[in-house]
Amino acid sequence: MRRLLRMCYQIEATQRLRFESVAVKLKRARRCQLVDEVREIWKVTIGRACFAMEVGRSLYAYEARRDDQAALSKRIKEIIGTHVR
């Protein structure tokens, strides 16, 4: 645990970020990128890297999905926009 925290502080020094603000102020993509850097540099698991960077593993694994009916919804909105009463 101490080794992992020490690693995070080293990353902090090189990227000039405050460790406490990593989970709060950065966007999801940047937090996941930092987790990837920790994993690559110190060869740790996703769980350990996420724990050290205060990022949830579910957030790291999250992938946005569009609704299957997105095209249908878009077409309905177009029809509604062109309908004149």
N, C-alpha and C. Protein backbone atom coordinates (compact mmCIF):
# COMPACT_ATOMS: atom_id res chain seq x y z
N MET A 1 0.82 -1.19 0.00
CA MET A 1 0.00 0.00 0.00
C MET A 1 0.87 1.25 0.00
N ARG A 2 1.87 1.29 0.85
CA ARG A 2 2.75 2.46 0.90
C ARG A 2 3.48 2.65 -0.42
N ARG A 3 3.91 1.53 -1.01
CA ARG A 3 4.63 1.60 -2.28
C ARG A 3 3.73 2.21 -3.36
N LEU A 4 2.49 1.80 -3.37
CA LEU A 4 1.54 2.29 -4.35
C LEU A 4 1.26 3.78 -4.15
N LEU A 5 1.10 4.18 -2.91
CA LEU A 5 0.89 5.60 -2.63
C LEU A 5 2.12 6.42 -3.01
N ARG A 6 3.30 5.87 -2.74
CA ARG A 6 4.54 6.56 -3.12
C ARG A 6 4.59 6.74 -4.64
N MET A 7 4.15 5.71 -5.36
CA MET A 7 4.12 5.80 -6.82
C MET A 7 3.19 6.92 -7.28
N CYS A 8 2.05 7.03 -6.62
CA CYS A 8 1.10 8.07 -6.99
C CYS A 8 1.68 9.46 -6.74
N TYR A 9 2.41 9.60 -5.65
CA TYR A 9 3.04 10.89 -5.37
C TYR A 9 4.12 11.21 -6.39
N GLN A 10 4.79 10.20 -6.92
CA GLN A 10 5.78 10.45 -7.96
C GLN A 10 5.10 10.90 -9.24
N ILE A 11 3.99 10.29 -9.56
CA ILE A 11 3.23 10.73 -10.74
C ILE A 11 2.76 12.17 -10.54
N GLU A 12 2.33 12.44 -9.34
CA GLU A 12 1.86 13.78 -9.01
C GLU A 12 2.96 14.81 -9.27
N ALA A 13 4.17 14.49 -8.88
CA ALA A 13 5.27 15.43 -9.06
C ALA A 13 5.56 15.65 -10.54
N THR A 14 5.50 14.59 -11.32
CA THR A 14 5.83 14.74 -12.73
C THR A 14 4.73 15.44 -13.51
N GLN A 15 3.51 15.28 -13.11
CA GLN A 15 2.41 15.89 -13.85
C GLN A 15 1.85 17.13 -13.16
N ARG A 16 2.41 17.50 -12.03
CA ARG A 16 2.03 18.70 -11.27
C ARG A 16 0.55 18.74 -10.95
N LEU A 17 0.06 17.61 -10.46
CA LEU A 17 -1.33 17.51 -10.03
C LEU A 17 -1.37 17.24 -8.54
N ARG A 18 -2.33 17.76 -7.89
CA ARG A 18 -2.50 17.42 -6.48
C ARG A 18 -3.21 16.10 -6.37
N PHE A 19 -2.68 15.19 -5.56
CA PHE A 19 -3.24 13.83 -5.42
C PHE A 19 -4.70 13.88 -4.97
N GLU A 20 -5.04 14.81 -4.09
CA GLU A 20 -6.39 14.88 -3.57
C GLU A 20 -7.39 15.30 -4.62
N SER A 21 -6.96 16.04 -5.64
CA SER A 21 -7.90 16.57 -6.63
C SER A 21 -8.08 15.64 -7.82
N VAL A 22 -7.33 14.55 -7.88
CA VAL A 22 -7.41 13.67 -9.04
C VAL A 22 -8.82 13.14 -9.23
N ALA A 23 -9.44 12.64 -8.18
CA ALA A 23 -10.76 12.02 -8.30
C ALA A 23 -11.88 13.05 -8.42
N VAL A 24 -11.62 14.29 -8.04
CA VAL A 24 -12.70 15.27 -7.98
C VAL A 24 -12.73 16.17 -9.21
N LYS A 25 -11.60 16.72 -9.63
CA LYS A 25 -11.61 17.77 -10.62
C LYS A 25 -11.35 17.32 -12.05
N LEU A 26 -10.78 16.15 -12.24
CA LEU A 26 -10.47 15.71 -13.58
C LEU A 26 -11.64 14.98 -14.21
N LYS A 27 -11.72 15.08 -15.52
CA LYS A 27 -12.78 14.36 -16.23
C LYS A 27 -12.48 12.88 -16.24
N ARG A 28 -13.51 12.09 -16.52
CA ARG A 28 -13.40 10.65 -16.50
C ARG A 28 -12.31 10.13 -17.42
N ALA A 29 -12.21 10.68 -18.60
CA ALA A 29 -11.20 10.21 -19.56
C ALA A 29 -9.78 10.43 -19.02
N ARG A 30 -9.55 11.56 -18.40
CA ARG A 30 -8.22 11.86 -17.87
C ARG A 30 -7.90 10.96 -16.68
N ARG A 31 -8.90 10.70 -15.82
CA ARG A 31 -8.66 9.82 -14.68
C ARG A 31 -8.31 8.41 -15.15
N CYS A 32 -9.02 7.93 -16.17
CA CYS A 32 -8.73 6.60 -16.71
C CYS A 32 -7.35 6.57 -17.36
N GLN A 33 -6.97 7.67 -17.99
CA GLN A 33 -5.63 7.75 -18.59
C GLN A 33 -4.55 7.68 -17.51
N LEU A 34 -4.77 8.34 -16.38
CA LEU A 34 -3.81 8.28 -15.29
C LEU A 34 -3.72 6.87 -14.71
N VAL A 35 -4.86 6.19 -14.62
CA VAL A 35 -4.85 4.80 -14.14
C VAL A 35 -4.03 3.94 -15.09
N ASP A 36 -4.22 4.15 -16.39
CA ASP A 36 -3.44 3.40 -17.38
C ASP A 36 -1.94 3.66 -17.23
N GLU A 37 -1.58 4.90 -16.96
CA GLU A 37 -0.16 5.24 -16.78
C GLU A 37 0.41 4.55 -15.54
N VAL A 38 -0.36 4.54 -14.48
CA VAL A 38 0.10 3.87 -13.25
C VAL A 38 0.29 2.38 -13.53
N ARG A 39 -0.67 1.77 -14.22
CA ARG A 39 -0.57 0.34 -14.54
C ARG A 39 0.65 0.06 -15.40
N GLU A 40 0.90 0.92 -16.38
CA GLU A 40 2.01 0.69 -17.30
C GLU A 40 3.37 0.88 -16.62
N ILE A 41 3.49 1.93 -15.84
CA ILE A 41 4.78 2.25 -15.21
C ILE A 41 5.14 1.24 -14.13
N TRP A 42 4.17 0.93 -13.25
CA TRP A 42 4.50 0.07 -12.10
C TRP A 42 3.98 -1.35 -12.20
N LYS A 43 3.39 -1.71 -13.32
CA LYS A 43 2.96 -3.09 -13.56
C LYS A 43 2.05 -3.61 -12.43
N VAL A 44 1.02 -2.84 -12.12
CA VAL A 44 0.06 -3.25 -11.10
C VAL A 44 -1.27 -3.57 -11.76
N THR A 45 -2.16 -4.20 -11.02
CA THR A 45 -3.47 -4.56 -11.55
C THR A 45 -4.36 -3.32 -11.65
N ILE A 46 -5.45 -3.48 -12.38
CA ILE A 46 -6.41 -2.39 -12.52
C ILE A 46 -6.97 -1.99 -11.17
N GLY A 47 -7.29 -2.99 -10.35
CA GLY A 47 -7.85 -2.70 -9.03
C GLY A 47 -6.92 -1.88 -8.15
N ARG A 48 -5.65 -2.24 -8.14
CA ARG A 48 -4.68 -1.49 -7.31
C ARG A 48 -4.46 -0.08 -7.85
N ALA A 49 -4.37 0.04 -9.16
CA ALA A 49 -4.17 1.36 -9.75
C ALA A 49 -5.38 2.26 -9.50
N CYS A 50 -6.58 1.71 -9.64
CA CYS A 50 -7.79 2.49 -9.38
C CYS A 50 -7.87 2.90 -7.91
N PHE A 51 -7.51 1.99 -7.02
CA PHE A 51 -7.52 2.31 -5.59
C PHE A 51 -6.53 3.43 -5.27
N ALA A 52 -5.35 3.36 -5.85
CA ALA A 52 -4.32 4.37 -5.58
C ALA A 52 -4.72 5.74 -6.12
N MET A 53 -5.39 5.75 -7.26
CA MET A 53 -5.77 7.02 -7.88
C MET A 53 -7.17 7.47 -7.45
N GLU A 54 -7.79 6.73 -6.53
CA GLU A 54 -9.12 7.04 -6.02
C GLU A 54 -10.16 7.10 -7.15
N VAL A 55 -10.10 6.11 -8.02
CA VAL A 55 -11.04 5.98 -9.13
C VAL A 55 -11.73 4.63 -8.98
N GLY A 56 -13.03 4.62 -9.07
CA GLY A 56 -13.75 3.35 -8.98
C GLY A 56 -13.48 2.46 -10.19
N ARG A 57 -13.39 1.17 -9.94
CA ARG A 57 -13.15 0.25 -11.06
C ARG A 57 -14.31 0.28 -12.05
N SER A 58 -15.51 0.48 -11.55
CA SER A 58 -16.65 0.54 -12.46
C SER A 58 -16.56 1.77 -13.37
N LEU A 59 -16.04 2.87 -12.85
CA LEU A 59 -15.84 4.06 -13.68
C LEU A 59 -14.77 3.80 -14.73
N TYR A 60 -13.75 3.08 -14.35
CA TYR A 60 -12.67 2.76 -15.29
C TYR A 60 -13.18 1.88 -16.42
N ALA A 61 -14.07 0.95 -16.11
CA ALA A 61 -14.55 -0.01 -17.10
C ALA A 61 -15.78 0.49 -17.86
N TYR A 62 -16.33 1.63 -17.47
CA TYR A 62 -17.56 2.14 -18.06
C TYR A 62 -17.40 2.46 -19.54
N GLU A 63 -18.37 2.05 -20.33
CA GLU A 63 -18.44 2.43 -21.74
C GLU A 63 -19.84 2.95 -22.02
N ALA A 64 -19.92 4.14 -22.56
CA ALA A 64 -21.22 4.71 -22.88
C ALA A 64 -21.85 3.93 -24.02
N ARG A 65 -23.15 3.75 -23.93
CA ARG A 65 -23.88 3.03 -24.98
C ARG A 65 -25.05 3.88 -25.43
N ARG A 66 -25.21 3.96 -26.72
CA ARG A 66 -26.36 4.65 -27.26
C ARG A 66 -27.56 3.74 -27.20
N ASP A 67 -28.70 4.35 -27.09
CA ASP A 67 -29.95 3.61 -27.09
C ASP A 67 -30.12 2.91 -28.44
N ASP A 68 -30.63 1.68 -28.44
CA ASP A 68 -30.83 0.95 -29.68
C ASP A 68 -31.81 1.66 -30.60
N GLN A 69 -32.68 2.44 -30.02
CA GLN A 69 -33.68 3.13 -30.81
C GLN A 69 -33.33 4.59 -31.03
N ALA A 70 -32.06 4.93 -31.01
CA ALA A 70 -31.63 6.32 -31.17
C ALA A 70 -32.05 6.87 -32.53
N ALA A 71 -31.92 6.07 -33.57
CA ALA A 71 -32.31 6.52 -34.91
C ALA A 71 -33.81 6.77 -34.97
N LEU A 72 -34.58 5.89 -34.37
CA LEU A 72 -36.03 6.05 -34.34
C LEU A 72 -36.42 7.31 -33.58
N SER A 73 -35.81 7.54 -32.44
CA SER A 73 -36.10 8.73 -31.65
C SER A 73 -35.76 10.00 -32.43
N LYS A 74 -34.65 9.97 -33.14
CA LYS A 74 -34.24 11.13 -33.94
C LYS A 74 -35.26 11.40 -35.04
N ARG A 75 -35.74 10.35 -35.69
CA ARG A 75 -36.73 10.50 -36.76
C ARG A 75 -38.05 11.03 -36.21
N ILE A 76 -38.47 10.56 -35.06
CA ILE A 76 -39.71 11.05 -34.44
C ILE A 76 -39.59 12.54 -34.14
N LYS A 77 -38.45 12.96 -33.63
CA LYS A 77 -38.24 14.38 -33.33
C LYS A 77 -38.27 15.22 -34.60
N GLU A 78 -37.72 14.68 -35.71
CA GLU A 78 -37.77 15.40 -36.98
C GLU A 78 -39.21 15.57 -37.45
N ILE A 79 -39.99 14.52 -37.33
CA ILE A 79 -41.40 14.56 -37.75
C ILE A 79 -42.17 15.56 -36.90
N ILE A 80 -41.93 15.54 -35.60
CA ILE A 80 -42.61 16.47 -34.69
C ILE A 80 -42.23 17.89 -35.03
N GLY A 81 -40.95 18.12 -35.38
CA GLY A 81 -40.50 19.48 -35.71
C GLY A 81 -41.09 20.01 -36.99
N THR A 82 -41.42 19.15 -37.94
CA THR A 82 -41.98 19.60 -39.22
C THR A 82 -43.50 19.64 -39.21
N HIS A 83 -44.15 19.06 -38.23
CA HIS A 83 -45.61 19.02 -38.17
C HIS A 83 -46.15 20.40 -37.84
N VAL A 84 -47.08 20.87 -38.68
CA VAL A 84 -47.70 22.18 -38.47
C VAL A 84 -49.14 21.95 -38.05
N ARG A 85 -49.56 22.67 -37.04
CA ARG A 85 -50.95 22.53 -36.57
C ARG A 85 -51.85 23.48 -37.30
